[in-house]
Amino acid sequence: AFAPDDRILFTSQGSGAPQIWAAKPDGSEARQLTTGDGAAVMPSPSTSGRWIFFQEADQDVNIWRMDPDGSGVKLGSTAGSGPTVPGQGLGW
């Protein structure tokens, strides 16, 4: 996915389990953003660039939100706990 700040957000297994990374379009300055135990996949930046939403799956699939630098990670929804669309009744 392309972030509003022109970075590319992607999932890589370069550090073991699938995690969210960000890099410049030319591939430089690649930086790992997530470090959870489960597989972090499907990064989706908000249109404002304020957050990055993603799924993390270990035994359940959860929807999370984080700041663009990977900090401020907050759980929004767990499997079976309600809506899984960012911004529609999630727990943040």
Protein backbone atom coordinates (compact mmCIF):
# COMPACT_ATOMS: atom_id res chain seq x y z
CA ALA A 1 0.00 0.00 0.00
CA PHE A 2 1.13 3.57 -0.57
CA ALA A 3 1.06 5.90 2.44
CA PRO A 4 0.24 9.60 2.05
CA ASP A 5 3.91 10.41 2.83
CA ASP A 6 4.94 8.42 -0.30
CA ARG A 7 6.30 5.43 1.63
CA ILE A 8 5.39 1.91 0.57
CA LEU A 9 3.85 -0.25 3.31
CA PHE A 10 4.29 -3.98 2.90
CA THR A 11 4.49 -7.31 4.70
CA SER A 12 7.81 -9.12 4.86
CA GLN A 13 9.10 -12.26 6.55
CA GLY A 14 12.62 -10.82 6.61
CA SER A 15 12.67 -10.94 10.42
CA GLY A 16 10.93 -14.32 10.80
CA ALA A 17 7.15 -14.02 11.16
CA PRO A 18 5.33 -11.78 8.66
CA GLN A 19 5.53 -8.17 9.88
CA ILE A 20 4.65 -4.70 8.52
CA TRP A 21 7.51 -2.70 7.01
CA ALA A 22 7.78 0.73 5.38
CA ALA A 23 10.27 1.93 2.76
CA LYS A 24 10.79 4.69 0.23
CA PRO A 25 9.50 3.83 -3.26
CA ASP A 26 13.04 2.96 -4.39
CA GLY A 27 13.32 0.39 -1.55
CA SER A 28 15.71 2.45 0.54
CA GLU A 29 15.27 3.18 4.23
CA ALA A 30 13.27 -0.01 4.86
CA ARG A 31 12.13 -0.12 8.46
CA GLN A 32 10.16 -2.75 10.37
CA LEU A 33 7.07 -1.21 12.02
CA THR A 34 5.50 -4.19 13.84
CA THR A 35 7.03 -6.80 16.12
CA GLY A 36 4.05 -8.81 17.39
CA ASP A 37 3.92 -12.56 17.94
CA GLY A 38 1.37 -13.14 15.19
CA ALA A 39 1.49 -12.49 11.48
CA ALA A 40 0.94 -8.76 10.81
CA VAL A 41 -0.50 -8.31 7.33
CA MET A 42 -2.57 -6.07 5.06
CA PRO A 43 -1.30 -2.60 6.02
CA SER A 44 -3.77 0.12 5.11
CA PRO A 45 -2.94 3.77 5.80
CA SER A 46 -5.67 6.24 6.70
CA THR A 47 -6.21 8.90 4.03
CA SER A 48 -4.99 11.56 6.46
CA GLY A 49 -1.78 9.62 7.14
CA ARG A 50 -2.48 9.71 10.88
CA TRP A 51 -2.70 5.92 11.30
CA ILE A 52 -1.87 2.63 9.68
CA PHE A 53 -4.46 -0.13 10.13
CA PHE A 54 -3.47 -3.78 9.85
CA GLN A 55 -4.52 -7.32 10.69
CA GLU A 56 -2.61 -9.53 13.04
CA ALA A 57 -3.35 -13.22 13.22
CA ASP A 58 -2.12 -15.71 15.76
CA GLN A 59 -5.01 -17.90 16.90
CA ASP A 60 -7.54 -15.15 16.09
CA VAL A 61 -7.56 -12.36 13.53
CA ASN A 62 -7.46 -8.91 15.11
CA ILE A 63 -7.62 -5.41 13.63
CA TRP A 64 -5.01 -2.98 14.96
CA ARG A 65 -4.09 0.67 14.51
CA MET A 66 -0.65 2.27 14.86
CA ASP A 67 1.05 5.59 14.28
CA PRO A 68 3.01 5.92 11.00
CA ASP A 69 6.31 5.29 12.82
CA GLY A 70 5.06 2.00 14.33
CA SER A 71 4.42 3.41 17.81
CA GLY A 72 1.05 3.82 19.52
CA VAL A 73 -0.25 0.35 18.60
CA LYS A 74 -3.86 -0.14 19.74
CA LEU A 75 -6.17 -3.10 19.41
CA GLY A 76 -9.40 -2.18 17.64
CA SER A 77 -11.29 -5.43 17.20
CA THR A 78 -10.88 -9.10 18.00
CA ALA A 79 -12.38 -12.00 16.10
CA GLY A 80 -16.07 -12.23 16.81
CA SER A 81 -16.22 -9.04 18.89
CA GLY A 82 -18.04 -6.84 16.40
CA PRO A 83 -17.29 -4.69 13.37
CA THR A 84 -13.96 -5.05 11.64
CA VAL A 85 -14.11 -1.92 9.50
CA PRO A 86 -11.76 0.85 10.72
CA GLY A 87 -13.69 3.73 12.20
CA GLN A 88 -16.99 1.89 12.67
CA GLY A 89 -17.38 1.06 16.34
CA LEU A 90 -13.89 -0.26 17.01
CA GLY A 91 -12.36 -0.08 20.47
CA TRP A 92 -9.99 2.83 19.99
